[in-house]
Amino acid sequence: METGTQFSSAGVRQCESVEGVGVLRTARAARGSGRRKPHAQRQTLSRSFLPSPPLCTMADQEQTTQRKRTFRKFTYRGIDLDQLLDLSSEQFMELVHARARRRFQRGLKRKPMGLIKKLRKAKKEAGPNEKPAIVKTHLRDMIIVPEMIGSVVGVYNGKTFNQVDIKPEMVGHYLAEFSISYKPVRHGRPGIGATHSSRFVPLK
């Protein structure tokens, strides 16, 4: 009986020791969890104050692509290019500035009309998706009309014929504005005697 009591007491002691270890573990875990709680709260607080990244939707991406693809449409005094080409000479006369309007009212002479006829012929002879042939002219004071758009004119500047491709933005301007008749000045070093300081430059 004594031995049984000994075994039973030993078993009880083992159980008590096991239970004590379990209690200690749970206590330590509770302490550890108690220590980690403030750190976890700090992380959550810091995350809450961080700005959230912007969400890009498909609609926003489509809008950005549409904005990139928009092109500026050409208009002359509020009139589109297609409507401008369909205007008669009298209607176009009302759109241009006073100097050009006076020129058209007094009537185009033989030489300007001959240039327009040559440009028409060059356009007819040109194939599809091809530039028309160059038409050379000395008429620097010719006013560009919508009918001339797309033509290639060689404008004389007193020495050579400068090639000018007529574009819609040139309507109402003179041909001379696109063929400069002088060489722009490029200032370099002053010559001898040009200034007081250059007198004493030693000659080599």
N, C-alpha and C. Protein backbone atom coordinates (compact mmCIF):
# COMPACT_ATOMS: atom_id res chain seq x y z
N MET A 1 0.83 -1.21 0.00
CA MET A 1 0.00 0.00 0.00
C MET A 1 0.86 1.25 0.00
N GLU A 2 1.97 1.09 0.70
CA GLU A 2 2.86 2.25 0.75
C GLU A 2 3.42 2.57 -0.62
N THR A 3 3.77 1.46 -1.31
CA THR A 3 4.30 1.71 -2.66
C THR A 3 3.26 2.37 -3.54
N GLY A 4 2.02 1.98 -3.43
CA GLY A 4 0.95 2.60 -4.25
C GLY A 4 0.79 4.05 -3.93
N THR A 5 0.86 4.28 -2.61
CA THR A 5 0.75 5.70 -2.24
C THR A 5 1.92 6.50 -2.75
N GLN A 6 3.11 5.83 -2.75
CA GLN A 6 4.29 6.53 -3.27
C GLN A 6 4.11 6.85 -4.75
N PHE A 7 3.65 5.83 -5.52
CA PHE A 7 3.45 6.07 -6.96
C PHE A 7 2.41 7.15 -7.22
N SER A 8 1.37 7.05 -6.40
CA SER A 8 0.30 8.03 -6.60
C SER A 8 0.76 9.42 -6.25
N SER A 9 1.52 9.52 -5.18
CA SER A 9 2.03 10.85 -4.82
C SER A 9 3.01 11.38 -5.87
N ALA A 10 3.83 10.45 -6.42
CA ALA A 10 4.76 10.87 -7.48
C ALA A 10 4.02 11.35 -8.72
N GLY A 11 2.92 10.59 -9.05
CA GLY A 11 2.12 11.02 -10.22
C GLY A 11 1.49 12.36 -10.00
N VAL A 12 1.03 12.57 -8.76
CA VAL A 12 0.42 13.88 -8.45
C VAL A 12 1.44 14.99 -8.57
N ARG A 13 2.67 14.67 -8.07
CA ARG A 13 3.72 15.68 -8.16
C ARG A 13 4.06 16.00 -9.63
N GLN A 14 4.11 14.93 -10.44
CA GLN A 14 4.39 15.16 -11.87
C GLN A 14 3.31 16.02 -12.51
N CYS A 15 2.07 15.70 -12.21
CA CYS A 15 0.95 16.47 -12.77
C CYS A 15 1.01 17.92 -12.32
N GLU A 16 1.34 18.10 -10.99
CA GLU A 16 1.43 19.46 -10.48
C GLU A 16 2.55 20.23 -11.18
N SER A 17 3.69 19.48 -11.35
CA SER A 17 4.81 20.14 -12.04
C SER A 17 4.45 20.50 -13.48
N VAL A 18 3.76 19.61 -14.19
CA VAL A 18 3.33 19.87 -15.57
C VAL A 18 2.36 21.03 -15.62
N GLU A 19 1.42 21.04 -14.67
CA GLU A 19 0.45 22.14 -14.63
C GLU A 19 1.14 23.46 -14.33
N GLY A 20 2.16 23.38 -13.40
CA GLY A 20 2.89 24.60 -13.08
C GLY A 20 3.63 25.16 -14.27
N VAL A 21 4.24 24.24 -15.07
CA VAL A 21 4.94 24.69 -16.29
C VAL A 21 3.96 25.33 -17.26
N GLY A 22 2.77 24.72 -17.39
CA GLY A 22 1.77 25.28 -18.29
C GLY A 22 1.31 26.64 -17.84
N VAL A 23 1.14 26.78 -16.50
CA VAL A 23 0.72 28.09 -15.97
C VAL A 23 1.79 29.14 -16.22
N LEU A 24 3.07 28.73 -16.03
CA LEU A 24 4.17 29.67 -16.27
C LEU A 24 4.21 30.10 -17.74
N ARG A 25 4.01 29.13 -18.63
CA ARG A 25 4.03 29.45 -20.07
C ARG A 25 2.91 30.42 -20.43
N THR A 26 1.74 30.14 -19.90
CA THR A 26 0.61 31.04 -20.20
C THR A 26 0.84 32.42 -19.63
N ALA A 27 1.45 32.47 -18.43
CA ALA A 27 1.74 33.77 -17.82
C ALA A 27 2.75 34.54 -18.65
N ARG A 28 3.82 33.82 -19.09
CA ARG A 28 4.84 34.47 -19.93
C ARG A 28 4.24 34.96 -21.25
N ALA A 29 3.40 34.12 -21.82
CA ALA A 29 2.76 34.52 -23.08
C ALA A 29 1.90 35.75 -22.88
N ALA A 30 1.20 35.78 -21.74
CA ALA A 30 0.37 36.96 -21.46
C ALA A 30 1.22 38.19 -21.27
N ARG A 31 2.35 38.00 -20.55
CA ARG A 31 3.25 39.14 -20.38
C ARG A 31 3.81 39.61 -21.72
N GLY A 32 4.24 38.62 -22.52
CA GLY A 32 4.80 38.98 -23.83
C GLY A 32 3.77 39.68 -24.71
N SER A 33 2.54 39.15 -24.68
CA SER A 33 1.49 39.80 -25.48
C SER A 33 1.19 41.18 -24.97
N GLY A 34 1.29 41.33 -23.63
CA GLY A 34 1.07 42.66 -23.05
C GLY A 34 2.15 43.63 -23.44
N ARG A 35 3.37 43.16 -23.57
CA ARG A 35 4.46 44.04 -23.98
C ARG A 35 4.34 44.40 -25.47
N ARG A 36 3.90 43.47 -26.28
CA ARG A 36 3.82 43.71 -27.73
C ARG A 36 2.62 44.55 -28.14
N LYS A 37 1.68 44.66 -27.28
CA LYS A 37 0.46 45.40 -27.66
C LYS A 37 0.74 46.85 -28.02
N PRO A 38 1.51 47.59 -27.19
CA PRO A 38 1.76 48.99 -27.58
C PRO A 38 2.47 49.11 -28.92
N HIS A 39 3.45 48.19 -29.20
CA HIS A 39 4.17 48.22 -30.47
C HIS A 39 3.21 48.00 -31.64
N ALA A 40 2.31 47.04 -31.44
CA ALA A 40 1.33 46.78 -32.51
C ALA A 40 0.42 47.98 -32.72
N GLN A 41 0.06 48.65 -31.60
CA GLN A 41 -0.79 49.84 -31.73
C GLN A 41 -0.06 50.94 -32.48
N ARG A 42 1.25 51.07 -32.18
CA ARG A 42 2.03 52.09 -32.89
C ARG A 42 2.05 51.82 -34.39
N GLN A 43 2.25 50.56 -34.75
CA GLN A 43 2.27 50.20 -36.18
C GLN A 43 0.94 50.54 -36.84
N THR A 44 -0.15 50.19 -36.17
CA THR A 44 -1.47 50.47 -36.74
C THR A 44 -1.70 51.97 -36.86
N LEU A 45 -1.25 52.74 -35.82
CA LEU A 45 -1.42 54.19 -35.87
C LEU A 45 -0.59 54.80 -37.00
N SER A 46 0.68 54.32 -37.11
CA SER A 46 1.53 54.86 -38.17
C SER A 46 0.98 54.51 -39.54
N ARG A 47 0.43 53.31 -39.69
CA ARG A 47 -0.16 52.93 -40.98
C ARG A 47 -1.40 53.75 -41.28
N SER A 48 -2.16 54.07 -40.22
CA SER A 48 -3.39 54.83 -40.44
C SER A 48 -3.10 56.25 -40.90
N PHE A 49 -1.94 56.81 -40.44
CA PHE A 49 -1.61 58.18 -40.84
C PHE A 49 -0.97 58.25 -42.21
N LEU A 50 -0.48 57.14 -42.76
CA LEU A 50 0.14 57.14 -44.08
C LEU A 50 -0.91 57.40 -45.16
N PRO A 51 -0.62 58.24 -46.18
CA PRO A 51 -1.60 58.47 -47.25
C PRO A 51 -1.79 57.23 -48.10
N SER A 52 -3.02 56.96 -48.43
CA SER A 52 -3.32 55.78 -49.24
C SER A 52 -2.95 56.05 -50.69
N PRO A 53 -2.39 55.09 -51.41
CA PRO A 53 -2.00 55.30 -52.82
C PRO A 53 -3.24 55.52 -53.69
N PRO A 54 -3.13 56.41 -54.70
CA PRO A 54 -4.29 56.65 -55.58
C PRO A 54 -4.64 55.42 -56.40
N LEU A 55 -5.92 55.21 -56.53
CA LEU A 55 -6.40 54.06 -57.30
C LEU A 55 -6.68 54.50 -58.73
N CYS A 56 -6.02 53.87 -59.70
CA CYS A 56 -6.20 54.19 -61.11
C CYS A 56 -7.20 53.20 -61.71
N THR A 57 -8.24 53.73 -62.25
CA THR A 57 -9.25 52.89 -62.87
C THR A 57 -9.06 52.89 -64.38
N MET A 58 -9.78 52.02 -65.05
CA MET A 58 -9.69 51.94 -66.51
C MET A 58 -10.21 53.21 -67.16
N ALA A 59 -11.22 53.82 -66.54
CA ALA A 59 -11.79 55.05 -67.11
C ALA A 59 -10.76 56.17 -67.10
N ASP A 60 -9.98 56.27 -65.99
CA ASP A 60 -8.94 57.31 -65.92
C ASP A 60 -7.88 57.09 -66.99
N GLN A 61 -7.47 55.83 -67.19
CA GLN A 61 -6.47 55.54 -68.21
C GLN A 61 -6.98 55.88 -69.60
N GLU A 62 -8.24 55.60 -69.87
CA GLU A 62 -8.81 55.94 -71.19
C GLU A 62 -8.85 57.44 -71.39
N GLN A 63 -9.16 58.19 -70.31
CA GLN A 63 -9.20 59.64 -70.43
C GLN A 63 -7.82 60.20 -70.74
N THR A 64 -6.77 59.66 -70.08
CA THR A 64 -5.42 60.15 -70.36
C THR A 64 -4.99 59.85 -71.79
N THR A 65 -5.35 58.66 -72.28
CA THR A 65 -5.01 58.33 -73.67
C THR A 65 -5.77 59.21 -74.65
N GLN A 66 -7.03 59.53 -74.33
CA GLN A 66 -7.80 60.40 -75.22
C GLN A 66 -7.22 61.81 -75.23
N ARG A 67 -6.76 62.29 -74.07
CA ARG A 67 -6.18 63.63 -74.03
C ARG A 67 -4.91 63.72 -74.87
N LYS A 68 -4.10 62.68 -74.87
CA LYS A 68 -2.87 62.68 -75.65
C LYS A 68 -3.15 62.69 -77.15
N ARG A 69 -4.23 62.07 -77.57
CA ARG A 69 -4.51 61.92 -79.00
C ARG A 69 -5.21 63.12 -79.62
N THR A 70 -5.64 64.08 -78.81
CA THR A 70 -6.35 65.23 -79.36
C THR A 70 -5.36 66.12 -80.11
N PHE A 71 -5.75 66.57 -81.30
CA PHE A 71 -4.93 67.44 -82.12
C PHE A 71 -5.65 68.78 -82.30
N ARG A 72 -4.84 69.82 -82.46
CA ARG A 72 -5.41 71.15 -82.66
C ARG A 72 -5.91 71.27 -84.09
N LYS A 73 -7.16 71.68 -84.24
CA LYS A 73 -7.77 71.79 -85.56
C LYS A 73 -7.52 73.19 -86.12
N PHE A 74 -7.12 73.24 -87.41
CA PHE A 74 -6.81 74.52 -88.02
C PHE A 74 -8.09 75.28 -88.35
N THR A 75 -8.12 76.55 -88.02
CA THR A 75 -9.21 77.44 -88.40
C THR A 75 -8.61 78.78 -88.82
N TYR A 76 -9.23 79.41 -89.81
CA TYR A 76 -8.82 80.74 -90.25
C TYR A 76 -9.98 81.69 -90.00
N ARG A 77 -9.79 82.58 -89.04
CA ARG A 77 -10.84 83.53 -88.63
C ARG A 77 -12.13 82.80 -88.25
N GLY A 78 -11.97 81.63 -87.56
CA GLY A 78 -13.12 80.88 -87.10
C GLY A 78 -13.74 79.95 -88.12
N ILE A 79 -13.11 79.76 -89.28
CA ILE A 79 -13.66 78.91 -90.35
C ILE A 79 -12.72 77.73 -90.56
N ASP A 80 -13.29 76.52 -90.63
CA ASP A 80 -12.49 75.31 -90.82
C ASP A 80 -11.88 75.29 -92.23
N LEU A 81 -10.91 74.38 -92.39
CA LEU A 81 -10.20 74.29 -93.67
C LEU A 81 -11.12 73.84 -94.80
N ASP A 82 -11.99 72.87 -94.52
CA ASP A 82 -12.90 72.39 -95.57
C ASP A 82 -13.85 73.49 -96.03
N GLN A 83 -14.37 74.26 -95.08
CA GLN A 83 -15.26 75.37 -95.44
C GLN A 83 -14.49 76.48 -96.14
N LEU A 84 -13.22 76.65 -95.75
CA LEU A 84 -12.41 77.71 -96.35
C LEU A 84 -12.14 77.42 -97.83
N LEU A 85 -11.93 76.14 -98.16
CA LEU A 85 -11.68 75.78 -99.56
C LEU A 85 -12.93 75.93 -100.43
N ASP A 86 -14.11 75.84 -99.79
CA ASP A 86 -15.36 75.97 -100.55
C ASP A 86 -15.82 77.41 -100.73
N LEU A 87 -15.15 78.36 -100.08
CA LEU A 87 -15.57 79.77 -100.18
C LEU A 87 -15.29 80.33 -101.56
N SER A 88 -16.14 81.24 -101.98
CA SER A 88 -15.90 81.96 -103.23
C SER A 88 -14.90 83.09 -102.98
N SER A 89 -14.45 83.72 -104.07
CA SER A 89 -13.46 84.80 -103.93
C SER A 89 -14.04 85.99 -103.17
N GLU A 90 -15.35 86.27 -103.37
CA GLU A 90 -15.99 87.39 -102.67
C GLU A 90 -16.10 87.11 -101.17
N GLN A 91 -16.45 85.87 -100.81
CA GLN A 91 -16.55 85.53 -99.39
C GLN A 91 -15.19 85.53 -98.71
N PHE A 92 -14.16 85.05 -99.41
CA PHE A 92 -12.82 85.06 -98.84
C PHE A 92 -12.30 86.49 -98.71
N MET A 93 -12.72 87.36 -99.61
CA MET A 93 -12.29 88.75 -99.58
C MET A 93 -12.73 89.44 -98.28
N GLU A 94 -13.88 89.03 -97.75
CA GLU A 94 -14.39 89.64 -96.52
C GLU A 94 -13.62 89.19 -95.28
N LEU A 95 -12.89 88.08 -95.38
CA LEU A 95 -12.17 87.55 -94.22
C LEU A 95 -10.78 88.14 -94.05
N VAL A 96 -10.12 88.51 -95.16
CA VAL A 96 -8.73 88.93 -95.10
C VAL A 96 -8.62 90.36 -94.58
N HIS A 97 -7.37 90.81 -94.34
CA HIS A 97 -7.13 92.16 -93.83
C HIS A 97 -7.37 93.20 -94.92
N ALA A 98 -7.35 94.47 -94.54
CA ALA A 98 -7.78 95.55 -95.43
C ALA A 98 -6.89 95.68 -96.66
N ARG A 99 -5.57 95.49 -96.49
CA ARG A 99 -4.65 95.65 -97.62
C ARG A 99 -4.93 94.59 -98.69
N ALA A 100 -5.12 93.35 -98.25
CA ALA A 100 -5.41 92.28 -99.20
C ALA A 100 -6.80 92.46 -99.81
N ARG A 101 -7.74 92.93 -99.01
CA ARG A 101 -9.10 93.16 -99.52
C ARG A 101 -9.09 94.20 -100.64
N ARG A 102 -8.30 95.25 -100.48
CA ARG A 102 -8.20 96.28 -101.53
C ARG A 102 -7.58 95.70 -102.80
N ARG A 103 -6.56 94.83 -102.62
CA ARG A 103 -5.92 94.20 -103.78
C ARG A 103 -6.92 93.36 -104.57
N PHE A 104 -7.73 92.57 -103.85
CA PHE A 104 -8.70 91.70 -104.54
C PHE A 104 -9.83 92.52 -105.16
N GLN A 105 -10.22 93.61 -104.53
CA GLN A 105 -11.30 94.44 -105.07
C GLN A 105 -10.87 95.11 -106.38
N ARG A 106 -9.63 95.47 -106.49
CA ARG A 106 -9.14 96.10 -107.71
C ARG A 106 -8.89 95.07 -108.81
N GLY A 107 -8.96 93.78 -108.46
CA GLY A 107 -8.84 92.74 -109.47
C GLY A 107 -7.41 92.24 -109.62
N LEU A 108 -7.26 90.93 -109.78
CA LEU A 108 -5.94 90.34 -109.97
C LEU A 108 -5.51 90.54 -111.42
N LYS A 109 -4.25 90.87 -111.61
CA LYS A 109 -3.72 91.13 -112.95
C LYS A 109 -3.37 89.81 -113.65
N ARG A 110 -2.75 89.94 -114.81
CA ARG A 110 -2.46 88.78 -115.64
C ARG A 110 -1.43 87.85 -114.98
N LYS A 111 -0.38 88.41 -114.38
CA LYS A 111 0.68 87.57 -113.81
C LYS A 111 0.21 86.75 -112.61
N PRO A 112 -0.50 87.33 -111.62
CA PRO A 112 -1.00 86.51 -110.51
C PRO A 112 -1.96 85.41 -110.97
N MET A 113 -2.81 85.73 -111.94
CA MET A 113 -3.74 84.71 -112.45
C MET A 113 -2.97 83.61 -113.18
N GLY A 114 -1.89 83.98 -113.90
CA GLY A 114 -1.07 82.98 -114.57
C GLY A 114 -0.39 82.05 -113.58
N LEU A 115 0.03 82.58 -112.42
CA LEU A 115 0.64 81.73 -111.39
C LEU A 115 -0.37 80.73 -110.84
N ILE A 116 -1.59 81.19 -110.59
CA ILE A 116 -2.63 80.29 -110.06
C ILE A 116 -2.96 79.19 -111.06
N LYS A 117 -2.99 79.54 -112.36
CA LYS A 117 -3.26 78.53 -113.39
C LYS A 117 -2.14 77.48 -113.45
N LYS A 118 -0.87 77.92 -113.30
CA LYS A 118 0.25 76.97 -113.30
C LYS A 118 0.19 76.03 -112.10
N LEU A 119 -0.22 76.57 -110.94
CA LEU A 119 -0.34 75.74 -109.73
C LEU A 119 -1.45 74.71 -109.89
N ARG A 120 -2.56 75.12 -110.53
CA ARG A 120 -3.66 74.16 -110.78
C ARG A 120 -3.19 73.03 -111.69
N LYS A 121 -2.45 73.39 -112.74
CA LYS A 121 -1.96 72.39 -113.69
C LYS A 121 -1.00 71.42 -113.01
N ALA A 122 -0.10 71.94 -112.14
CA ALA A 122 0.86 71.08 -111.44
C ALA A 122 0.14 70.12 -110.49
N LYS A 123 -0.94 70.57 -109.86
CA LYS A 123 -1.71 69.69 -108.97
C LYS A 123 -2.40 68.57 -109.75
N LYS A 124 -2.93 68.91 -110.94
CA LYS A 124 -3.61 67.89 -111.75
C LYS A 124 -2.64 66.83 -112.25
N GLU A 125 -1.46 67.26 -112.63
CA GLU A 125 -0.48 66.32 -113.17
C GLU A 125 0.16 65.45 -112.09
N ALA A 126 0.12 65.87 -110.85
CA ALA A 126 0.72 65.09 -109.76
C ALA A 126 -0.15 63.87 -109.47
N GLY A 127 0.50 62.74 -109.17
CA GLY A 127 -0.21 61.52 -108.84
C GLY A 127 -0.77 61.57 -107.43
N PRO A 128 -1.50 60.52 -107.05
CA PRO A 128 -2.04 60.47 -105.68
C PRO A 128 -0.92 60.30 -104.65
N ASN A 129 -1.06 61.03 -103.53
CA ASN A 129 -0.06 61.00 -102.44
C ASN A 129 1.33 61.44 -102.91
N GLU A 130 1.36 62.35 -103.88
CA GLU A 130 2.63 62.89 -104.37
C GLU A 130 2.58 64.42 -104.35
N LYS A 131 3.73 65.01 -104.12
CA LYS A 131 3.81 66.47 -104.14
C LYS A 131 3.80 66.96 -105.59
N PRO A 132 3.13 68.06 -105.84
CA PRO A 132 3.16 68.60 -107.21
C PRO A 132 4.53 69.19 -107.54
N ALA A 133 4.75 69.41 -108.81
CA ALA A 133 6.02 69.96 -109.26
C ALA A 133 6.18 71.41 -108.78
N ILE A 134 7.44 71.84 -108.67
CA ILE A 134 7.72 73.20 -108.21
C ILE A 134 7.40 74.19 -109.32
N VAL A 135 6.71 75.25 -108.96
CA VAL A 135 6.39 76.33 -109.89
C VAL A 135 7.19 77.56 -109.46
N LYS A 136 8.12 77.99 -110.29
CA LYS A 136 8.96 79.14 -109.95
C LYS A 136 8.25 80.44 -110.29
N THR A 137 8.50 81.46 -109.46
CA THR A 137 7.85 82.75 -109.68
C THR A 137 8.69 83.87 -109.09
N HIS A 138 8.53 85.07 -109.68
CA HIS A 138 9.14 86.29 -109.14
C HIS A 138 8.13 87.12 -108.38
N LEU A 139 6.90 86.67 -108.28
CA LEU A 139 5.83 87.45 -107.65
C LEU A 139 5.92 87.29 -106.13
N ARG A 140 6.79 88.08 -105.51
CA ARG A 140 6.95 88.02 -104.06
C ARG A 140 5.77 88.65 -103.32
N ASP A 141 5.03 89.55 -104.02
CA ASP A 141 3.90 90.23 -103.37
C ASP A 141 2.58 89.51 -103.61
N MET A 142 2.65 88.25 -104.02
CA MET A 142 1.43 87.46 -104.23
C MET A 142 0.85 87.05 -102.88
N ILE A 143 -0.44 87.29 -102.70
CA ILE A 143 -1.13 86.90 -101.46
C ILE A 143 -1.56 85.45 -101.58
N ILE A 144 -1.28 84.67 -100.57
CA ILE A 144 -1.61 83.24 -100.59
C ILE A 144 -3.11 83.06 -100.35
N VAL A 145 -3.76 82.36 -101.26
CA VAL A 145 -5.20 82.09 -101.18
C VAL A 145 -5.39 80.60 -100.87
N PRO A 146 -6.59 80.21 -100.39
CA PRO A 146 -6.81 78.80 -100.03
C PRO A 146 -6.58 77.82 -101.17
N GLU A 147 -6.77 78.24 -102.40
CA GLU A 147 -6.58 77.35 -103.55
C GLU A 147 -5.12 76.91 -103.70
N MET A 148 -4.19 77.68 -103.16
CA MET A 148 -2.77 77.39 -103.30
C MET A 148 -2.26 76.38 -102.26
N ILE A 149 -3.11 75.98 -101.30
CA ILE A 149 -2.67 75.07 -100.23
C ILE A 149 -2.29 73.73 -100.83
N GLY A 150 -1.13 73.22 -100.45
CA GLY A 150 -0.64 71.94 -100.96
C GLY A 150 0.31 72.08 -102.12
N SER A 151 0.43 73.26 -102.71
CA SER A 151 1.33 73.47 -103.84
C SER A 151 2.75 73.75 -103.34
N VAL A 152 3.70 73.65 -104.26
CA VAL A 152 5.11 73.94 -103.97
C VAL A 152 5.53 75.07 -104.91
N VAL A 153 5.96 76.19 -104.31
CA VAL A 153 6.31 77.38 -105.08
C VAL A 153 7.78 77.69 -104.86
N GLY A 154 8.48 77.99 -105.94
CA GLY A 154 9.86 78.47 -105.85
C GLY A 154 9.86 79.98 -105.90
N VAL A 155 10.04 80.62 -104.74
CA VAL A 155 9.94 82.09 -104.64
C VAL A 155 11.33 82.69 -104.80
N TYR A 156 11.47 83.62 -105.74
CA TYR A 156 12.76 84.24 -106.04
C TYR A 156 13.11 85.26 -104.97
N ASN A 157 14.36 85.22 -104.48
CA ASN A 157 14.79 86.17 -103.44
C ASN A 157 15.84 87.15 -103.94
N GLY A 158 16.00 87.23 -105.27
CA GLY A 158 17.01 88.10 -105.86
C GLY A 158 18.25 87.36 -106.31
N LYS A 159 18.40 86.12 -105.88
CA LYS A 159 19.56 85.33 -106.26
C LYS A 159 19.17 83.90 -106.62
N THR A 160 18.35 83.26 -105.78
CA THR A 160 17.92 81.88 -106.01
C THR A 160 16.42 81.76 -105.77
N PHE A 161 15.87 80.60 -106.16
CA PHE A 161 14.46 80.30 -105.92
C PHE A 161 14.37 79.41 -104.68
N ASN A 162 13.79 79.94 -103.62
CA ASN A 162 13.62 79.17 -102.39
C ASN A 162 12.32 78.37 -102.46
N GLN A 163 12.43 77.07 -102.18
CA GLN A 163 11.25 76.20 -102.24
C GLN A 163 10.37 76.44 -101.02
N VAL A 164 9.09 76.69 -101.26
CA VAL A 164 8.13 76.97 -100.19
C VAL A 164 6.93 76.03 -100.36
N ASP A 165 6.67 75.21 -99.36
CA ASP A 165 5.47 74.36 -99.36
C ASP A 165 4.33 75.15 -98.74
N ILE A 166 3.28 75.36 -99.51
CA ILE A 166 2.16 76.17 -99.03
C ILE A 166 1.33 75.35 -98.04
N LYS A 167 1.15 75.88 -96.82
CA LYS A 167 0.39 75.23 -95.76
C LYS A 167 -0.81 76.11 -95.38
N PRO A 168 -1.80 75.52 -94.70
CA PRO A 168 -3.00 76.32 -94.35
C PRO A 168 -2.68 77.53 -93.48
N GLU A 169 -1.63 77.46 -92.63
CA GLU A 169 -1.31 78.58 -91.76
C GLU A 169 -0.79 79.80 -92.52
N MET A 170 -0.43 79.61 -93.81
CA MET A 170 0.13 80.70 -94.60
C MET A 170 -0.93 81.53 -95.32
N VAL A 171 -2.19 81.15 -95.21
CA VAL A 171 -3.26 81.84 -95.94
C VAL A 171 -3.33 83.29 -95.47
N GLY A 172 -3.40 84.23 -96.44
CA GLY A 172 -3.49 85.65 -96.14
C GLY A 172 -2.14 86.35 -96.05
N HIS A 173 -1.03 85.58 -96.07
CA HIS A 173 0.31 86.18 -96.03
C HIS A 173 0.86 86.33 -97.45
N TYR A 174 1.98 87.05 -97.55
CA TYR A 174 2.65 87.22 -98.83
C TYR A 174 3.69 86.12 -99.01
N LEU A 175 3.98 85.79 -100.27
CA LEU A 175 5.02 84.78 -100.56
C LEU A 175 6.40 85.26 -100.09
N ALA A 176 6.62 86.57 -100.10
CA ALA A 176 7.92 87.11 -99.72
C ALA A 176 8.26 86.85 -98.26
N GLU A 177 7.23 86.62 -97.42
CA GLU A 177 7.49 86.39 -96.00
C GLU A 177 8.19 85.06 -95.75
N PHE A 178 8.14 84.15 -96.73
CA PHE A 178 8.72 82.82 -96.56
C PHE A 178 9.96 82.61 -97.43
N SER A 179 10.44 83.68 -98.05
CA SER A 179 11.68 83.62 -98.85
C SER A 179 12.49 84.86 -98.55
N ILE A 180 13.39 84.76 -97.58
CA ILE A 180 14.14 85.92 -97.10
C ILE A 180 15.12 86.38 -98.18
N SER A 181 15.21 87.69 -98.37
CA SER A 181 16.01 88.24 -99.48
C SER A 181 17.36 88.76 -99.03
N TYR A 182 17.74 88.53 -97.78
CA TYR A 182 19.05 88.98 -97.30
C TYR A 182 19.61 87.91 -96.37
N LYS A 183 20.89 88.01 -96.11
CA LYS A 183 21.55 87.07 -95.22
C LYS A 183 21.61 87.68 -93.82
N PRO A 184 21.07 87.01 -92.81
CA PRO A 184 21.07 87.59 -91.46
C PRO A 184 22.49 87.83 -90.97
N VAL A 185 22.67 88.93 -90.25
CA VAL A 185 23.99 89.33 -89.78
C VAL A 185 24.43 88.41 -88.64
N ARG A 186 25.65 87.92 -88.72
CA ARG A 186 26.26 87.15 -87.64
C ARG A 186 27.49 87.92 -87.15
N HIS A 187 27.35 88.53 -86.01
CA HIS A 187 28.43 89.39 -85.49
C HIS A 187 29.57 88.54 -84.93
N GLY A 188 30.76 88.80 -85.44
CA GLY A 188 31.94 88.11 -84.95
C GLY A 188 32.86 89.08 -84.21
N ARG A 189 34.16 88.86 -84.32
CA ARG A 189 35.13 89.74 -83.69
C ARG A 189 35.24 91.05 -84.46
N PRO A 190 35.42 92.20 -83.79
CA PRO A 190 35.53 93.47 -84.51
C PRO A 190 36.85 93.55 -85.28
N GLY A 191 36.83 94.27 -86.39
CA GLY A 191 38.04 94.43 -87.19
C GLY A 191 38.97 95.48 -86.60
N ILE A 192 40.11 95.64 -87.23
CA ILE A 192 41.11 96.60 -86.75
C ILE A 192 40.61 98.01 -87.02
N GLY A 193 40.61 98.84 -85.98
CA GLY A 193 40.15 100.22 -86.11
C GLY A 193 38.68 100.39 -85.86
N ALA A 194 37.95 99.31 -85.61
CA ALA A 194 36.52 99.44 -85.37
C ALA A 194 36.25 100.09 -84.02
N THR A 195 37.09 99.79 -83.04
CA THR A 195 36.97 100.39 -81.70
C THR A 195 38.34 100.90 -81.27
N HIS A 196 38.37 101.68 -80.18
CA HIS A 196 39.64 102.24 -79.69
C HIS A 196 40.56 101.13 -79.20
N SER A 197 39.99 100.10 -78.60
CA SER A 197 40.83 99.03 -78.05
C SER A 197 41.44 98.16 -79.15
N SER A 198 40.78 98.10 -80.32
CA SER A 198 41.28 97.23 -81.38
C SER A 198 42.45 97.85 -82.14
N ARG A 199 42.80 99.11 -81.86
CA ARG A 199 43.93 99.74 -82.56
C ARG A 199 45.26 99.12 -82.14
N PHE A 200 45.30 98.65 -80.90
CA PHE A 200 46.56 98.18 -80.34
C PHE A 200 46.69 96.65 -80.44
N VAL A 201 45.84 96.01 -81.28
CA VAL A 201 45.95 94.58 -81.46
C VAL A 201 47.16 94.30 -82.34
N PRO A 202 48.10 93.48 -81.88
CA PRO A 202 49.31 93.25 -82.71
C PRO A 202 48.97 92.42 -83.94
N LEU A 203 49.60 92.81 -85.06
CA LEU A 203 49.37 92.09 -86.32
C LEU A 203 50.25 90.84 -86.35
N LYS A 204 49.73 89.77 -86.87
CA LYS A 204 50.48 88.52 -86.97
C LYS A 204 50.95 88.32 -88.39
